[in-house]
Amino acid sequence: MRRQLVSIVLALASFAFGPASADADPPSLTVFAAADLAFAFNEIAPRFEKATGARVTLVFGSTGNFAHQIRQGGPADVFFAADQSFIDSLIAERVLLRETRTLYAQGRIVLATARPFGPRLTELRGLLDPRVRHVAIANPVHAPYGRAAEQALRKAGLWEALRPKLVFGENIRHTLQFVQAGAAEAGIVARSVASVGEVDWVPVDASMHAPLDQAAAVVRRSPRPELGLAFIQFVNGPEGRPIMKRFGFMLPGEF
């Protein structure tokens, strides 16, 4: 394992000398990323491509579903999960490379209100308003942000009362789309995707749910582990961090 890590680091160093030659096919990287990363990564990936000459394919979806797909041989080179527990489970199963495990953010949830609905909701109890007929959250079975939403509603004593109103998104972007389209008057979504024109939002107190520690790691079977590690480091580096922070992805102790 130590030899493998050394080879990754040495190969990674080659990217510091600039993009690949125009005569060579660009190296490719497939990134499976939690849906809350869509806006941030759509800015970061082109910068990484310019810096390295690589071609990046971004695939966004539910962390739980991606973990299952990677376990079954899904074509990912690197996995960015919305909950570090999925990364740790796959590392224990020797599906991901332990040495590449990196914490890249602590996620936050917000209470989102569809603007056509009227007044912006400012607290979770506002979801009890009879005018709020549908409340969108990500499916807690496989989406970490959905699990955080359920935890917050349970801690507020609202879960049972709101269950008839709940509509479940496949992932957090899908959940946001319910609110954007007006199919749900309100919802609980990730801070990172909430700044869109169709919704207003307020933060949910982080003490209402377990920390959303988000981690990434390289897939063991990837033919280019050094490129996956380079992308992880780029996200946490001087070009990626400002973008991540702008979308609400903060590391512990970061301001």
C-alpha atoms as a PDB file:
ATOM      1  CA  MET A   1       0.000   0.000   0.000  1.00  0.00           C
ATOM      2  CA  ARG A   2       2.855   2.394   0.815  1.00  0.00           C
ATOM      3  CA  ARG A   3       4.406   1.740  -2.598  1.00  0.00           C
ATOM      4  CA  GLN A   4       1.063   2.452  -4.221  1.00  0.00           C
ATOM      5  CA  LEU A   5       0.766   5.768  -2.401  1.00  0.00           C
ATOM      6  CA  VAL A   6       4.297   6.736  -3.419  1.00  0.00           C
ATOM      7  CA  SER A   7       3.461   6.010  -7.058  1.00  0.00           C
ATOM      8  CA  ILE A   8       0.339   8.160  -6.782  1.00  0.00           C
ATOM      9  CA  VAL A   9       2.300  11.081  -5.350  1.00  0.00           C
ATOM     10  CA  LEU A  10       5.026  10.806  -7.975  1.00  0.00           C
ATOM     11  CA  ALA A  11       2.493  10.656 -10.783  1.00  0.00           C
ATOM     12  CA  LEU A  12       0.618  13.577  -9.301  1.00  0.00           C
ATOM     13  CA  ALA A  13       3.777  15.652  -9.430  1.00  0.00           C
ATOM     14  CA  SER A  14       3.784  15.340 -13.209  1.00  0.00           C
ATOM     15  CA  PHE A  15       0.659  17.489 -13.387  1.00  0.00           C
ATOM     16  CA  ALA A  16       2.506  20.420 -11.831  1.00  0.00           C
ATOM     17  CA  PHE A  17       4.456  20.902 -15.059  1.00  0.00           C
ATOM     18  CA  GLY A  18       1.390  21.992 -17.051  1.00  0.00           C
ATOM     19  CA  PRO A  19      -1.224  20.576 -19.422  1.00  0.00           C
ATOM     20  CA  ALA A  20      -0.682  17.475 -21.506  1.00  0.00           C
ATOM     21  CA  SER A  21       0.808  17.789 -24.965  1.00  0.00           C
ATOM     22  CA  ALA A  22      -1.651  18.778 -27.692  1.00  0.00           C
ATOM     23  CA  ASP A  23      -0.528  15.709 -29.664  1.00  0.00           C
ATOM     24  CA  ALA A  24      -1.637  13.305 -26.924  1.00  0.00           C
ATOM     25  CA  ASP A  25      -5.152  12.304 -25.980  1.00  0.00           C
ATOM     26  CA  PRO A  26      -6.057  14.177 -22.810  1.00  0.00           C
ATOM     27  CA  PRO A  27      -6.307  12.038 -19.689  1.00  0.00           C
ATOM     28  CA  SER A  28      -9.905  11.584 -18.557  1.00  0.00           C
ATOM     29  CA  LEU A  29     -11.467  11.589 -15.105  1.00  0.00           C
ATOM     30  CA  THR A  30     -14.989  10.582 -14.091  1.00  0.00           C
ATOM     31  CA  VAL A  31     -16.181  12.179 -10.866  1.00  0.00           C
ATOM     32  CA  PHE A  32     -19.205  10.838  -9.016  1.00  0.00           C
ATOM     33  CA  ALA A  33     -20.312  13.736  -6.823  1.00  0.00           C
ATOM     34  CA  ALA A  34     -23.178  14.398  -4.433  1.00  0.00           C
ATOM     35  CA  ALA A  35     -25.858  16.550  -6.045  1.00  0.00           C
ATOM     36  CA  ASP A  36     -25.219  19.454  -3.665  1.00  0.00           C
ATOM     37  CA  LEU A  37     -21.868  19.971  -5.420  1.00  0.00           C
ATOM     38  CA  ALA A  38     -23.353  20.654  -8.860  1.00  0.00           C
ATOM     39  CA  PHE A  39     -23.055  24.434  -8.901  1.00  0.00           C
ATOM     40  CA  ALA A  40     -19.602  24.568  -7.307  1.00  0.00           C
ATOM     41  CA  PHE A  41     -18.073  21.765  -9.372  1.00  0.00           C
ATOM     42  CA  ASN A  42     -19.419  23.178 -12.637  1.00  0.00           C
ATOM     43  CA  GLU A  43     -17.129  26.140 -11.922  1.00  0.00           C
ATOM     44  CA  ILE A  44     -14.188  24.191 -10.529  1.00  0.00           C
ATOM     45  CA  ALA A  45     -13.929  21.441 -13.167  1.00  0.00           C
ATOM     46  CA  PRO A  46     -13.141  23.766 -16.121  1.00  0.00           C
ATOM     47  CA  ARG A  47     -10.367  25.376 -14.092  1.00  0.00           C
ATOM     48  CA  PHE A  48      -8.917  21.967 -13.296  1.00  0.00           C
ATOM     49  CA  GLU A  49      -9.105  20.994 -16.970  1.00  0.00           C
ATOM     50  CA  LYS A  50      -7.261  24.156 -17.951  1.00  0.00           C
ATOM     51  CA  ALA A  51      -4.588  23.603 -15.309  1.00  0.00           C
ATOM     52  CA  THR A  52      -3.953  19.932 -16.099  1.00  0.00           C
ATOM     53  CA  GLY A  53      -5.080  19.329 -19.662  1.00  0.00           C
ATOM     54  CA  ALA A  54      -7.395  16.595 -18.370  1.00  0.00           C
ATOM     55  CA  ARG A  55     -10.982  15.998 -19.418  1.00  0.00           C
ATOM     56  CA  VAL A  56     -13.418  15.795 -16.487  1.00  0.00           C
ATOM     57  CA  THR A  57     -16.828  14.129 -16.612  1.00  0.00           C
ATOM     58  CA  LEU A  58     -19.060  15.153 -13.706  1.00  0.00           C
ATOM     59  CA  VAL A  59     -21.904  12.876 -12.653  1.00  0.00           C
ATOM     60  CA  PHE A  60     -24.192  14.224  -9.929  1.00  0.00           C
ATOM     61  CA  GLY A  61     -26.669  12.265  -7.834  1.00  0.00           C
ATOM     62  CA  SER A  62     -27.517  10.726  -4.497  1.00  0.00           C
ATOM     63  CA  THR A  63     -24.569   9.735  -2.323  1.00  0.00           C
ATOM     64  CA  GLY A  64     -26.226   6.482  -1.245  1.00  0.00           C
ATOM     65  CA  ASN A  65     -27.021   5.465  -4.796  1.00  0.00           C
ATOM     66  CA  PHE A  66     -23.491   6.296  -5.939  1.00  0.00           C
ATOM     67  CA  ALA A  67     -21.984   4.251  -3.116  1.00  0.00           C
ATOM     68  CA  HIS A  68     -24.004   1.250  -4.302  1.00  0.00           C
ATOM     69  CA  GLN A  69     -23.010   1.810  -7.930  1.00  0.00           C
ATOM     70  CA  ILE A  70     -19.309   2.119  -7.106  1.00  0.00           C
ATOM     71  CA  ARG A  71     -19.505  -1.005  -4.972  1.00  0.00           C
ATOM     72  CA  GLN A  72     -20.994  -2.804  -7.981  1.00  0.00           C
ATOM     73  CA  GLY A  73     -18.306  -1.572 -10.393  1.00  0.00           C
ATOM     74  CA  GLY A  74     -19.667   1.823 -11.469  1.00  0.00           C
ATOM     75  CA  PRO A  75     -17.209   3.739 -13.693  1.00  0.00           C
ATOM     76  CA  ALA A  76     -16.065   6.372 -11.194  1.00  0.00           C
ATOM     77  CA  ASP A  77     -12.444   7.424 -10.667  1.00  0.00           C
ATOM     78  CA  VAL A  78     -13.152   9.545  -7.600  1.00  0.00           C
ATOM     79  CA  PHE A  79     -16.143   9.817  -5.263  1.00  0.00           C
ATOM     80  CA  PHE A  80     -17.271  12.978  -3.464  1.00  0.00           C
ATOM     81  CA  ALA A  81     -19.860  11.982  -0.863  1.00  0.00           C
ATOM     82  CA  ALA A  82     -22.241  14.210   1.087  1.00  0.00           C
ATOM     83  CA  ASP A  83     -21.600  12.072   4.182  1.00  0.00           C
ATOM     84  CA  GLN A  84     -18.186  10.741   5.146  1.00  0.00           C
ATOM     85  CA  SER A  85     -19.693   7.503   6.476  1.00  0.00           C
ATOM     86  CA  PHE A  86     -20.195   6.286   2.894  1.00  0.00           C
ATOM     87  CA  ILE A  87     -16.520   6.941   2.129  1.00  0.00           C
ATOM     88  CA  ASP A  88     -15.422   5.138   5.282  1.00  0.00           C
ATOM     89  CA  SER A  89     -17.593   2.102   4.499  1.00  0.00           C
ATOM     90  CA  LEU A  90     -16.152   1.791   0.998  1.00  0.00           C
ATOM     91  CA  ILE A  91     -12.620   2.193   2.348  1.00  0.00           C
ATOM     92  CA  ALA A  92     -13.273  -0.625   4.829  1.00  0.00           C
ATOM     93  CA  GLU A  93     -14.429  -2.760   1.889  1.00  0.00           C
ATOM     94  CA  ARG A  94     -11.220  -1.854   0.009  1.00  0.00           C
ATOM     95  CA  VAL A  95     -13.201  -0.194  -2.785  1.00  0.00           C
ATOM     96  CA  LEU A  96     -11.619   3.233  -2.174  1.00  0.00           C
ATOM     97  CA  LEU A  97      -7.999   4.130  -1.412  1.00  0.00           C
ATOM     98  CA  ARG A  98      -7.669   4.995   2.272  1.00  0.00           C
ATOM     99  CA  GLU A  99      -4.643   7.225   1.674  1.00  0.00           C
ATOM    100  CA  THR A 100      -6.671   9.567  -0.539  1.00  0.00           C
ATOM    101  CA  ARG A 101      -9.526  10.149   1.931  1.00  0.00           C
ATOM    102  CA  THR A 102     -10.043  13.898   2.347  1.00  0.00           C
ATOM    103  CA  LEU A 103     -12.598  15.967   4.225  1.00  0.00           C
ATOM    104  CA  TYR A 104     -13.674  18.729   1.863  1.00  0.00           C
ATOM    105  CA  ALA A 105     -16.656  20.402   3.583  1.00  0.00           C
ATOM    106  CA  GLN A 106     -19.286  20.515   6.268  1.00  0.00           C
ATOM    107  CA  GLY A 107     -22.664  20.883   4.585  1.00  0.00           C
ATOM    108  CA  ARG A 108     -25.566  23.048   5.793  1.00  0.00           C
ATOM    109  CA  ILE A 109     -29.304  22.783   5.278  1.00  0.00           C
ATOM    110  CA  VAL A 110     -31.710  25.675   4.763  1.00  0.00           C
ATOM    111  CA  LEU A 111     -35.467  26.203   4.807  1.00  0.00           C
ATOM    112  CA  ALA A 112     -36.484  27.218   1.296  1.00  0.00           C
ATOM    113  CA  THR A 113     -39.741  28.915   0.291  1.00  0.00           C
ATOM    114  CA  ALA A 114     -41.068  29.185  -3.255  1.00  0.00           C
ATOM    115  CA  ARG A 115     -41.361  32.908  -4.017  1.00  0.00           C
ATOM    116  CA  PRO A 116     -44.825  32.648  -5.615  1.00  0.00           C
ATOM    117  CA  PHE A 117     -46.081  31.176  -2.325  1.00  0.00           C
ATOM    118  CA  GLY A 118     -45.893  34.543  -0.598  1.00  0.00           C
ATOM    119  CA  PRO A 119     -44.152  35.360   2.696  1.00  0.00           C
ATOM    120  CA  ARG A 120     -40.809  33.704   3.269  1.00  0.00           C
ATOM    121  CA  LEU A 121     -40.864  31.056   5.982  1.00  0.00           C
ATOM    122  CA  THR A 122     -38.388  31.902   8.727  1.00  0.00           C
ATOM    123  CA  GLU A 123     -38.693  28.849  10.996  1.00  0.00           C
ATOM    124  CA  LEU A 124     -39.493  25.175  10.622  1.00  0.00           C
ATOM    125  CA  ARG A 125     -42.820  25.540  12.435  1.00  0.00           C
ATOM    126  CA  GLY A 126     -43.959  27.655   9.520  1.00  0.00           C
ATOM    127  CA  LEU A 127     -44.269  24.418   7.551  1.00  0.00           C
ATOM    128  CA  LEU A 128     -47.414  23.667   9.576  1.00  0.00           C
ATOM    129  CA  ASP A 129     -49.201  26.547   7.839  1.00  0.00           C
ATOM    130  CA  PRO A 130     -52.183  24.956   6.015  1.00  0.00           C
ATOM    131  CA  ARG A 131     -51.277  26.986   2.929  1.00  0.00           C
ATOM    132  CA  VAL A 132     -48.109  24.880   2.726  1.00  0.00           C
ATOM    133  CA  ARG A 133     -49.509  21.782   1.058  1.00  0.00           C
ATOM    134  CA  HIS A 134     -46.243  20.134   0.053  1.00  0.00           C
ATOM    135  CA  VAL A 135     -42.809  20.110   1.711  1.00  0.00           C
ATOM    136  CA  ALA A 136     -39.886  18.796  -0.334  1.00  0.00           C
ATOM    137  CA  ILE A 137     -36.927  16.974   1.201  1.00  0.00           C
ATOM    138  CA  ALA A 138     -34.413  14.566  -0.281  1.00  0.00           C
ATOM    139  CA  ASN A 139     -35.139  10.897   0.317  1.00  0.00           C
ATOM    140  CA  PRO A 140     -33.636  10.147   3.764  1.00  0.00           C
ATOM    141  CA  VAL A 141     -33.082   6.504   2.815  1.00  0.00           C
ATOM    142  CA  HIS A 142     -30.122   7.302   0.579  1.00  0.00           C
ATOM    143  CA  ALA A 143     -29.581  11.094   0.614  1.00  0.00           C
ATOM    144  CA  PRO A 144     -27.580  12.569   3.533  1.00  0.00           C
ATOM    145  CA  TYR A 145     -29.285  15.953   3.189  1.00  0.00           C
ATOM    146  CA  GLY A 146     -32.640  14.219   3.399  1.00  0.00           C
ATOM    147  CA  ARG A 147     -31.510  12.463   6.548  1.00  0.00           C
ATOM    148  CA  ALA A 148     -30.427  15.804   8.019  1.00  0.00           C
ATOM    149  CA  ALA A 149     -33.817  17.282   7.116  1.00  0.00           C
ATOM    150  CA  GLU A 150     -35.607  14.412   8.854  1.00  0.00           C
ATOM    151  CA  GLN A 151     -33.414  14.828  11.934  1.00  0.00           C
ATOM    152  CA  ALA A 152     -34.184  18.552  12.088  1.00  0.00           C
ATOM    153  CA  LEU A 153     -37.927  18.002  11.731  1.00  0.00           C
ATOM    154  CA  ARG A 154     -37.907  15.287  14.385  1.00  0.00           C
ATOM    155  CA  LYS A 155     -35.935  17.473  16.792  1.00  0.00           C
ATOM    156  CA  ALA A 156     -38.437  20.290  16.202  1.00  0.00           C
ATOM    157  CA  GLY A 157     -41.274  17.862  16.968  1.00  0.00           C
ATOM    158  CA  LEU A 158     -42.749  18.300  13.480  1.00  0.00           C
ATOM    159  CA  TRP A 159     -41.984  15.038  11.674  1.00  0.00           C
ATOM    160  CA  GLU A 160     -45.237  13.187  12.308  1.00  0.00           C
ATOM    161  CA  ALA A 161     -47.421  16.246  11.691  1.00  0.00           C
ATOM    162  CA  LEU A 162     -45.667  16.987   8.384  1.00  0.00           C
ATOM    163  CA  ARG A 163     -45.426  13.452   6.999  1.00  0.00           C
ATOM    164  CA  PRO A 164     -48.638  13.788   4.916  1.00  0.00           C
ATOM    165  CA  LYS A 165     -47.130  16.871   3.235  1.00  0.00           C
ATOM    166  CA  LEU A 166     -43.719  15.422   2.432  1.00  0.00           C
ATOM    167  CA  VAL A 167     -42.568  14.845  -1.134  1.00  0.00           C
ATOM    168  CA  PHE A 168     -39.194  13.173  -1.625  1.00  0.00           C
ATOM    169  CA  GLY A 169     -36.575  14.152  -4.154  1.00  0.00           C
ATOM    170  CA  GLU A 170     -34.166  11.580  -5.552  1.00  0.00           C
ATOM    171  CA  ASN A 171     -31.299  13.893  -4.575  1.00  0.00           C
ATOM    172  CA  ILE A 172     -30.934  17.437  -3.283  1.00  0.00           C
ATOM    173  CA  ARG A 173     -30.999  19.065  -6.743  1.00  0.00           C
ATOM    174  CA  HIS A 174     -34.180  17.177  -7.582  1.00  0.00           C
ATOM    175  CA  THR A 175     -35.612  18.340  -4.247  1.00  0.00           C
ATOM    176  CA  LEU A 176     -34.791  21.952  -5.043  1.00  0.00           C
ATOM    177  CA  GLN A 177     -36.528  21.600  -8.404  1.00  0.00           C
ATOM    178  CA  PHE A 178     -39.814  20.786  -6.630  1.00  0.00           C
ATOM    179  CA  VAL A 179     -39.629  24.173  -4.899  1.00  0.00           C
ATOM    180  CA  GLN A 180     -38.364  26.037  -7.973  1.00  0.00           C
ATOM    181  CA  ALA A 181     -41.255  24.729 -10.052  1.00  0.00           C
ATOM    182  CA  GLY A 182     -43.835  25.453  -7.375  1.00  0.00           C
ATOM    183  CA  ALA A 183     -44.709  21.773  -6.987  1.00  0.00           C
ATOM    184  CA  ALA A 184     -43.839  22.259  -3.296  1.00  0.00           C
ATOM    185  CA  GLU A 185     -44.446  25.508  -1.478  1.00  0.00           C
ATOM    186  CA  ALA A 186     -41.415  24.901   0.720  1.00  0.00           C
ATOM    187  CA  GLY A 187     -38.577  22.483   1.298  1.00  0.00           C
ATOM    188  CA  ILE A 188     -35.371  21.750   3.165  1.00  0.00           C
ATOM    189  CA  VAL A 189     -32.392  21.787   0.824  1.00  0.00           C
ATOM    190  CA  ALA A 190     -28.636  22.243   0.808  1.00  0.00           C
ATOM    191  CA  ARG A 191     -27.273  25.747   1.279  1.00  0.00           C
ATOM    192  CA  SER A 192     -25.012  25.146  -1.716  1.00  0.00           C
ATOM    193  CA  VAL A 193     -27.888  24.952  -4.223  1.00  0.00           C
ATOM    194  CA  ALA A 194     -30.402  27.318  -2.619  1.00  0.00           C
ATOM    195  CA  SER A 195     -29.296  30.626  -4.154  1.00  0.00           C
ATOM    196  CA  VAL A 196     -31.552  30.495  -7.205  1.00  0.00           C
ATOM    197  CA  GLY A 197     -34.041  33.076  -8.383  1.00  0.00           C
ATOM    198  CA  GLU A 198     -37.214  31.125  -7.650  1.00  0.00           C
ATOM    199  CA  VAL A 199     -36.727  30.626  -3.903  1.00  0.00           C
ATOM    200  CA  ASP A 200     -35.993  32.462  -0.690  1.00  0.00           C
ATOM    201  CA  TRP A 201     -34.189  30.704   2.143  1.00  0.00           C
ATOM    202  CA  VAL A 202     -33.072  30.948   5.739  1.00  0.00           C
ATOM    203  CA  PRO A 203     -30.501  28.705   7.461  1.00  0.00           C
ATOM    204  CA  VAL A 204     -31.557  25.849   9.705  1.00  0.00           C
ATOM    205  CA  ASP A 205     -29.669  25.755  13.000  1.00  0.00           C
ATOM    206  CA  ALA A 206     -26.826  23.252  12.585  1.00  0.00           C
ATOM    207  CA  SER A 207     -27.511  21.872  16.060  1.00  0.00           C
ATOM    208  CA  MET A 208     -30.792  20.442  14.735  1.00  0.00           C
ATOM    209  CA  HIS A 209     -29.029  17.629  12.888  1.00  0.00           C
ATOM    210  CA  ALA A 210     -25.865  15.537  12.940  1.00  0.00           C
ATOM    211  CA  PRO A 211     -22.870  17.218  11.246  1.00  0.00           C
ATOM    212  CA  LEU A 212     -22.809  16.807   7.486  1.00  0.00           C
ATOM    213  CA  ASP A 213     -19.098  16.031   7.211  1.00  0.00           C
ATOM    214  CA  GLN A 214     -18.416  15.516   3.516  1.00  0.00           C
ATOM    215  CA  ALA A 215     -15.434  13.510   2.294  1.00  0.00           C
ATOM    216  CA  ALA A 216     -13.902  12.276  -0.951  1.00  0.00           C
ATOM    217  CA  ALA A 217     -11.579   9.455  -1.987  1.00  0.00           C
ATOM    218  CA  VAL A 218     -10.152   7.833  -5.111  1.00  0.00           C
ATOM    219  CA  VAL A 219     -11.648   4.564  -6.362  1.00  0.00           C
ATOM    220  CA  ARG A 220      -9.118   1.751  -6.039  1.00  0.00           C
ATOM    221  CA  ARG A 221      -9.738   0.337  -9.513  1.00  0.00           C
ATOM    222  CA  SER A 222      -9.279   3.717 -11.248  1.00  0.00           C
ATOM    223  CA  PRO A 223      -6.580   3.533 -13.944  1.00  0.00           C
ATOM    224  CA  ARG A 224      -5.524   7.109 -13.079  1.00  0.00           C
ATOM    225  CA  PRO A 225      -5.542   7.394  -9.288  1.00  0.00           C
ATOM    226  CA  GLU A 226      -3.067  10.275  -9.433  1.00  0.00           C
ATOM    227  CA  LEU A 227      -5.553  12.323 -11.457  1.00  0.00           C
ATOM    228  CA  GLY A 228      -8.346  11.647  -8.975  1.00  0.00           C
ATOM    229  CA  LEU A 229      -6.101  12.717  -6.115  1.00  0.00           C
ATOM    230  CA  ALA A 230      -5.102  15.820  -8.070  1.00  0.00           C
ATOM    231  CA  PHE A 231      -8.758  16.788  -8.437  1.00  0.00           C
ATOM    232  CA  ILE A 232      -9.445  16.316  -4.712  1.00  0.00           C
ATOM    233  CA  GLN A 233      -6.452  18.494  -3.865  1.00  0.00           C
ATOM    234  CA  PHE A 234      -7.525  21.088  -6.433  1.00  0.00           C
ATOM    235  CA  VAL A 235     -10.969  21.342  -4.790  1.00  0.00           C
ATOM    236  CA  ASN A 236      -9.313  21.970  -1.420  1.00  0.00           C
ATOM    237  CA  GLY A 237      -6.567  24.167  -2.863  1.00  0.00           C
ATOM    238  CA  PRO A 238      -6.224  27.898  -3.551  1.00  0.00           C
ATOM    239  CA  GLU A 239      -8.397  27.821  -6.684  1.00  0.00           C
ATOM    240  CA  GLY A 240     -11.121  25.522  -5.414  1.00  0.00           C
ATOM    241  CA  ARG A 241     -11.600  26.709  -1.822  1.00  0.00           C
ATOM    242  CA  PRO A 242     -12.886  30.222  -2.634  1.00  0.00           C
ATOM    243  CA  ILE A 243     -15.517  28.719  -4.926  1.00  0.00           C
ATOM    244  CA  MET A 244     -16.490  26.114  -2.364  1.00  0.00           C
ATOM    245  CA  LYS A 245     -16.805  28.760   0.354  1.00  0.00           C
ATOM    246  CA  ARG A 246     -18.964  30.935  -1.886  1.00  0.00           C
ATOM    247  CA  PHE A 247     -21.457  28.084  -2.141  1.00  0.00           C
ATOM    248  CA  GLY A 248     -21.462  27.529   1.610  1.00  0.00           C
ATOM    249  CA  PHE A 249     -19.041  24.590   1.806  1.00  0.00           C
ATOM    250  CA  MET A 250     -16.926  25.372   4.847  1.00  0.00           C
ATOM    251  CA  LEU A 251     -14.226  23.253   6.434  1.00  0.00           C
ATOM    252  CA  PRO A 252     -14.146  22.987  10.252  1.00  0.00           C
ATOM    253  CA  GLY A 253     -12.732  26.234  11.635  1.00  0.00           C
ATOM    254  CA  GLU A 254     -12.950  28.005   8.284  1.00  0.00           C
ATOM    255  CA  PHE A 255     -14.552  31.453   8.038  1.00  0.00           C
END
